[in-house]
Amino acid sequence: DALDENEIIFSGRSDAPDADNSAAA
């Protein structure tokens, strides 16, 4: 299940210049 954090973890942080890296984004 790709929605299960116990099986796979994704990063929401963007390395693009001026990217919005707030918690919500």
PDB file of all heavy atoms in Angstrom:
ATOM      1  N   ASP A   1       0.857  -1.180   0.000  1.00  0.00           N
ATOM      2  CA  ASP A   1       0.000   0.000   0.000  1.00  0.00           C
ATOM      3  C   ASP A   1       0.891   1.228   0.000  1.00  0.00           C
ATOM      4  O   ASP A   1       1.608   1.482   0.971  1.00  0.00           O
ATOM      5  CB  ASP A   1      -0.915  -0.006   1.227  1.00  0.00           C
ATOM      6  CG  ASP A   1      -1.881   1.173   1.240  1.00  0.00           C
ATOM      7  OD1 ASP A   1      -1.872   1.972   0.284  1.00  0.00           O
ATOM      8  OD2 ASP A   1      -2.648   1.294   2.217  1.00  0.00           O
ATOM      9  N   ALA A   2       0.879   1.985  -1.086  1.00  0.00           N
ATOM     10  CA  ALA A   2       1.742   3.162  -1.204  1.00  0.00           C
ATOM     11  C   ALA A   2       1.357   4.254  -0.214  1.00  0.00           C
ATOM     12  O   ALA A   2       2.130   5.195  -0.005  1.00  0.00           O
ATOM     13  CB  ALA A   2       1.699   3.710  -2.630  1.00  0.00           C
ATOM     14  N   LEU A   3       0.195   4.157   0.403  1.00  0.00           N
ATOM     15  CA  LEU A   3      -0.246   5.160   1.369  1.00  0.00           C
ATOM     16  C   LEU A   3       0.225   4.838   2.786  1.00  0.00           C
ATOM     17  O   LEU A   3       0.033   5.650   3.700  1.00  0.00           O
ATOM     18  CB  LEU A   3      -1.777   5.265   1.355  1.00  0.00           C
ATOM     19  CG  LEU A   3      -2.426   5.623   0.015  1.00  0.00           C
ATOM     20  CD1 LEU A   3      -3.937   5.673   0.164  1.00  0.00           C
ATOM     21  CD2 LEU A   3      -1.890   6.942  -0.515  1.00  0.00           C
ATOM     22  N   ASP A   4       0.844   3.677   2.976  1.00  0.00           N
ATOM     23  CA  ASP A   4       1.277   3.235   4.303  1.00  0.00           C
ATOM     24  C   ASP A   4       2.687   3.761   4.583  1.00  0.00           C
ATOM     25  O   ASP A   4       3.649   3.380   3.913  1.00  0.00           O
ATOM     26  CB  ASP A   4       1.254   1.712   4.372  1.00  0.00           C
ATOM     27  CG  ASP A   4       1.516   1.185   5.777  1.00  0.00           C
ATOM     28  OD1 ASP A   4       1.899   1.979   6.668  1.00  0.00           O
ATOM     29  OD2 ASP A   4       1.344  -0.028   5.987  1.00  0.00           O
ATOM     30  N   GLU A   5       2.824   4.602   5.611  1.00  0.00           N
ATOM     31  CA  GLU A   5       4.143   5.160   5.958  1.00  0.00           C
ATOM     32  C   GLU A   5       5.094   4.103   6.486  1.00  0.00           C
ATOM     33  O   GLU A   5       6.312   4.314   6.487  1.00  0.00           O
ATOM     34  CB  GLU A   5       3.974   6.263   6.995  1.00  0.00           C
ATOM     35  CG  GLU A   5       3.299   7.515   6.474  1.00  0.00           C
ATOM     36  CD  GLU A   5       3.306   8.633   7.498  1.00  0.00           C
ATOM     37  OE1 GLU A   5       3.804   8.400   8.622  1.00  0.00           O
ATOM     38  OE2 GLU A   5       2.828   9.741   7.179  1.00  0.00           O
ATOM     39  N   ASN A   6       4.588   2.974   6.953  1.00  0.00           N
ATOM     40  CA  ASN A   6       5.464   1.911   7.442  1.00  0.00           C
ATOM     41  C   ASN A   6       6.140   1.166   6.294  1.00  0.00           C
ATOM     42  O   ASN A   6       7.098   0.431   6.516  1.00  0.00           O
ATOM     43  CB  ASN A   6       4.666   0.916   8.290  1.00  0.00           C
ATOM     44  CG  ASN A   6       4.149   1.551   9.572  1.00  0.00           C
ATOM     45  OD1 ASN A   6       4.854   2.313  10.228  1.00  0.00           O
ATOM     46  ND2 ASN A   6       2.900   1.237   9.929  1.00  0.00           N
ATOM     47  N   GLU A   7       5.639   1.348   5.078  1.00  0.00           N
ATOM     48  CA  GLU A   7       6.196   0.634   3.934  1.00  0.00           C
ATOM     49  C   GLU A   7       7.062   1.513   3.051  1.00  0.00           C
ATOM     50  O   GLU A   7       8.034   1.034   2.465  1.00  0.00           O
ATOM     51  CB  GLU A   7       5.067   0.023   3.100  1.00  0.00           C
ATOM     52  CG  GLU A   7       4.366  -1.132   3.779  1.00  0.00           C
ATOM     53  CD  GLU A   7       3.622  -1.975   2.767  1.00  0.00           C
ATOM     54  OE1 GLU A   7       2.454  -1.647   2.480  1.00  0.00           O
ATOM     55  OE2 GLU A   7       4.211  -2.944   2.252  1.00  0.00           O
ATOM     56  N   ILE A   8       6.706   2.771   2.912  1.00  0.00           N
ATOM     57  CA  ILE A   8       7.505   3.670   2.091  1.00  0.00           C
ATOM     58  C   ILE A   8       7.342   5.093   2.601  1.00  0.00           C
ATOM     59  O   ILE A   8       6.245   5.492   3.017  1.00  0.00           O
ATOM     60  CB  ILE A   8       7.112   3.565   0.601  1.00  0.00           C
ATOM     61  CG1 ILE A   8       8.106   4.336  -0.272  1.00  0.00           C
ATOM     62  CG2 ILE A   8       5.682   4.013   0.355  1.00  0.00           C
ATOM     63  CD1 ILE A   8       7.986   4.027  -1.751  1.00  0.00           C
ATOM     64  N   ILE A   9       8.439   5.839   2.593  1.00  0.00           N
ATOM     65  CA  ILE A   9       8.446   7.209   3.093  1.00  0.00           C
ATOM     66  C   ILE A   9       8.877   8.134   1.967  1.00  0.00           C
ATOM     67  O   ILE A   9       9.868   7.879   1.277  1.00  0.00           O
ATOM     68  CB  ILE A   9       9.400   7.354   4.298  1.00  0.00           C
ATOM     69  CG1 ILE A   9       8.934   6.457   5.445  1.00  0.00           C
ATOM     70  CG2 ILE A   9       9.470   8.805   4.764  1.00  0.00           C
ATOM     71  CD1 ILE A   9       9.862   6.461   6.634  1.00  0.00           C
ATOM     72  N   PHE A  10       8.136   9.215   1.794  1.00  0.00           N
ATOM     73  CA  PHE A  10       8.446  10.207   0.767  1.00  0.00           C
ATOM     74  C   PHE A  10       8.835  11.522   1.425  1.00  0.00           C
ATOM     75  O   PHE A  10       8.388  11.851   2.534  1.00  0.00           O
ATOM     76  CB  PHE A  10       7.241  10.437  -0.149  1.00  0.00           C
ATOM     77  CG  PHE A  10       6.951   9.292  -1.072  1.00  0.00           C
ATOM     78  CD1 PHE A  10       5.934   8.397  -0.782  1.00  0.00           C
ATOM     79  CD2 PHE A  10       7.689   9.106  -2.230  1.00  0.00           C
ATOM     80  CE1 PHE A  10       5.667   7.338  -1.627  1.00  0.00           C
ATOM     81  CE2 PHE A  10       7.424   8.055  -3.085  1.00  0.00           C
ATOM     82  CZ  PHE A  10       6.407   7.169  -2.780  1.00  0.00           C
ATOM     83  N   SER A  11       9.663  12.268   0.721  1.00  0.00           N
ATOM     84  CA  SER A  11      10.051  13.606   1.173  1.00  0.00           C
ATOM     85  C   SER A  11       9.209  14.635   0.433  1.00  0.00           C
ATOM     86  O   SER A  11       9.037  14.552  -0.786  1.00  0.00           O
ATOM     87  CB  SER A  11      11.539  13.852   0.889  1.00  0.00           C
ATOM     88  OG  SER A  11      11.867  15.214   1.107  1.00  0.00           O
ATOM     89  N   GLY A  12       8.712  15.615   1.190  1.00  0.00           N
ATOM     90  CA  GLY A  12       7.937  16.668   0.568  1.00  0.00           C
ATOM     91  C   GLY A  12       8.730  17.927   0.309  1.00  0.00           C
ATOM     92  O   GLY A  12       8.203  18.916  -0.206  1.00  0.00           O
ATOM     93  N   ARG A  13      10.011  17.883   0.630  1.00  0.00           N
ATOM     94  CA  ARG A  13      10.847  19.069   0.473  1.00  0.00           C
ATOM     95  C   ARG A  13      11.281  19.225  -0.983  1.00  0.00           C
ATOM     96  O   ARG A  13      11.698  18.270  -1.638  1.00  0.00           O
ATOM     97  CB  ARG A  13      12.075  18.988   1.375  1.00  0.00           C
ATOM     98  CG  ARG A  13      12.932  20.250   1.334  1.00  0.00           C
ATOM     99  CD  ARG A  13      14.007  20.244   2.404  1.00  0.00           C
ATOM    100  NE  ARG A  13      14.747  21.490   2.391  1.00  0.00           N
ATOM    101  CZ  ARG A  13      14.355  22.604   2.968  1.00  0.00           C
ATOM    102  NH1 ARG A  13      13.205  22.610   3.648  1.00  0.00           N
ATOM    103  NH2 ARG A  13      15.065  23.714   2.914  1.00  0.00           N
ATOM    104  N   SER A  14      11.186  20.444  -1.490  1.00  0.00           N
ATOM    105  CA  SER A  14      11.592  20.741  -2.862  1.00  0.00           C
ATOM    106  C   SER A  14      12.907  21.497  -2.853  1.00  0.00           C
ATOM    107  O   SER A  14      13.120  22.387  -2.022  1.00  0.00           O
ATOM    108  CB  SER A  14      10.517  21.569  -3.574  1.00  0.00           C
ATOM    109  OG  SER A  14      10.968  21.978  -4.848  1.00  0.00           O
ATOM    110  N   ASP A  15      13.812  21.135  -3.773  1.00  0.00           N
ATOM    111  CA  ASP A  15      15.100  21.810  -3.907  1.00  0.00           C
ATOM    112  C   ASP A  15      15.052  22.924  -4.943  1.00  0.00           C
ATOM    113  O   ASP A  15      16.074  23.551  -5.227  1.00  0.00           O
ATOM    114  CB  ASP A  15      16.184  20.801  -4.298  1.00  0.00           C
ATOM    115  CG  ASP A  15      16.431  19.783  -3.202  1.00  0.00           C
ATOM    116  OD1 ASP A  15      16.191  20.107  -2.024  1.00  0.00           O
ATOM    117  OD2 ASP A  15      16.854  18.649  -3.534  1.00  0.00           O
ATOM    118  N   ALA A  16      13.884  23.165  -5.516  1.00  0.00           N
ATOM    119  CA  ALA A  16      13.764  24.219  -6.520  1.00  0.00           C
ATOM    120  C   ALA A  16      13.943  25.585  -5.876  1.00  0.00           C
ATOM    121  O   ALA A  16      13.548  25.799  -4.725  1.00  0.00           O
ATOM    122  CB  ALA A  16      12.402  24.145  -7.204  1.00  0.00           C
ATOM    123  N   PRO A  17      14.571  26.526  -6.596  1.00  0.00           N
ATOM    124  CA  PRO A  17      14.743  27.874  -6.043  1.00  0.00           C
ATOM    125  C   PRO A  17      13.391  28.517  -5.696  1.00  0.00           C
ATOM    126  O   PRO A  17      12.427  28.387  -6.439  1.00  0.00           O
ATOM    127  CB  PRO A  17      15.453  28.632  -7.171  1.00  0.00           C
ATOM    128  CG  PRO A  17      16.058  27.568  -8.028  1.00  0.00           C
ATOM    129  CD  PRO A  17      15.155  26.389  -7.941  1.00  0.00           C
ATOM    130  N   ASP A  18      13.351  29.175  -4.564  1.00  0.00           N
ATOM    131  CA  ASP A  18      12.152  29.898  -4.109  1.00  0.00           C
ATOM    132  C   ASP A  18      10.950  28.981  -3.921  1.00  0.00           C
ATOM    133  O   ASP A  18       9.795  29.416  -4.020  1.00  0.00           O
ATOM    134  CB  ASP A  18      11.786  31.017  -5.095  1.00  0.00           C
ATOM    135  CG  ASP A  18      12.924  32.016  -5.289  1.00  0.00           C
ATOM    136  OD1 ASP A  18      13.638  32.278  -4.302  1.00  0.00           O
ATOM    137  OD2 ASP A  18      13.095  32.500  -6.423  1.00  0.00           O
ATOM    138  N   ALA A  19      11.191  27.694  -3.670  1.00  0.00           N
ATOM    139  CA  ALA A  19      10.083  26.758  -3.469  1.00  0.00           C
ATOM    140  C   ALA A  19       9.452  26.967  -2.094  1.00  0.00           C
ATOM    141  O   ALA A  19      10.126  27.354  -1.133  1.00  0.00           O
ATOM    142  CB  ALA A  19      10.574  25.315  -3.604  1.00  0.00           C
ATOM    143  N   ASP A  20       8.166  26.705  -2.013  1.00  0.00           N
ATOM    144  CA  ASP A  20       7.443  26.779  -0.750  1.00  0.00           C
ATOM    145  C   ASP A  20       7.655  25.481   0.012  1.00  0.00           C
ATOM    146  O   ASP A  20       7.123  24.430  -0.381  1.00  0.00           O
ATOM    147  CB  ASP A  20       5.957  27.007  -1.023  1.00  0.00           C
ATOM    148  CG  ASP A  20       5.146  27.091   0.273  1.00  0.00           C
ATOM    149  OD1 ASP A  20       5.760  27.118   1.364  1.00  0.00           O
ATOM    150  OD2 ASP A  20       3.897  27.145   0.186  1.00  0.00           O
ATOM    151  N   ASN A  21       8.448  25.516   1.068  1.00  0.00           N
ATOM    152  CA  ASN A  21       8.720  24.321   1.863  1.00  0.00           C
ATOM    153  C   ASN A  21       8.052  24.393   3.229  1.00  0.00           C
ATOM    154  O   ASN A  21       8.557  23.850   4.215  1.00  0.00           O
ATOM    155  CB  ASN A  21      10.232  24.119   2.021  1.00  0.00           C
ATOM    156  CG  ASN A  21      10.859  23.508   0.773  1.00  0.00           C
ATOM    157  OD1 ASN A  21      10.349  22.525   0.233  1.00  0.00           O
ATOM    158  ND2 ASN A  21      11.946  24.102   0.304  1.00  0.00           N
ATOM    159  N   SER A  22       6.918  25.061   3.284  1.00  0.00           N
ATOM    160  CA  SER A  22       6.145  25.089   4.530  1.00  0.00           C
ATOM    161  C   SER A  22       5.617  23.686   4.823  1.00  0.00           C
ATOM    162  O   SER A  22       5.587  22.807   3.948  1.00  0.00           O
ATOM    163  CB  SER A  22       4.995  26.072   4.409  1.00  0.00           C
ATOM    164  OG  SER A  22       4.082  25.650   3.406  1.00  0.00           O
ATOM    165  N   ALA A  23       5.200  23.464   6.047  1.00  0.00           N
ATOM    166  CA  ALA A  23       4.694  22.152   6.449  1.00  0.00           C
ATOM    167  C   ALA A  23       3.507  21.739   5.593  1.00  0.00           C
ATOM    168  O   ALA A  23       3.382  20.572   5.179  1.00  0.00           O
ATOM    169  CB  ALA A  23       4.311  22.182   7.926  1.00  0.00           C
ATOM    170  N   ALA A  24       2.612  22.681   5.299  1.00  0.00           N
ATOM    171  CA  ALA A  24       1.441  22.359   4.498  1.00  0.00           C
ATOM    172  C   ALA A  24       1.830  21.985   3.070  1.00  0.00           C
ATOM    173  O   ALA A  24       1.290  21.036   2.480  1.00  0.00           O
ATOM    174  CB  ALA A  24       0.479  23.541   4.488  1.00  0.00           C
ATOM    175  N   ALA A  25       2.789  22.735   2.494  1.00  0.00           N
ATOM    176  CA  ALA A  25       3.218  22.447   1.122  1.00  0.00           C
ATOM    177  C   ALA A  25       3.900  21.088   1.037  1.00  0.00           C
ATOM    178  O   ALA A  25       3.671  20.326   0.086  1.00  0.00           O
ATOM    179  CB  ALA A  25       4.136  23.556   0.631  1.00  0.00           C
TER     180      ALA A  25
END
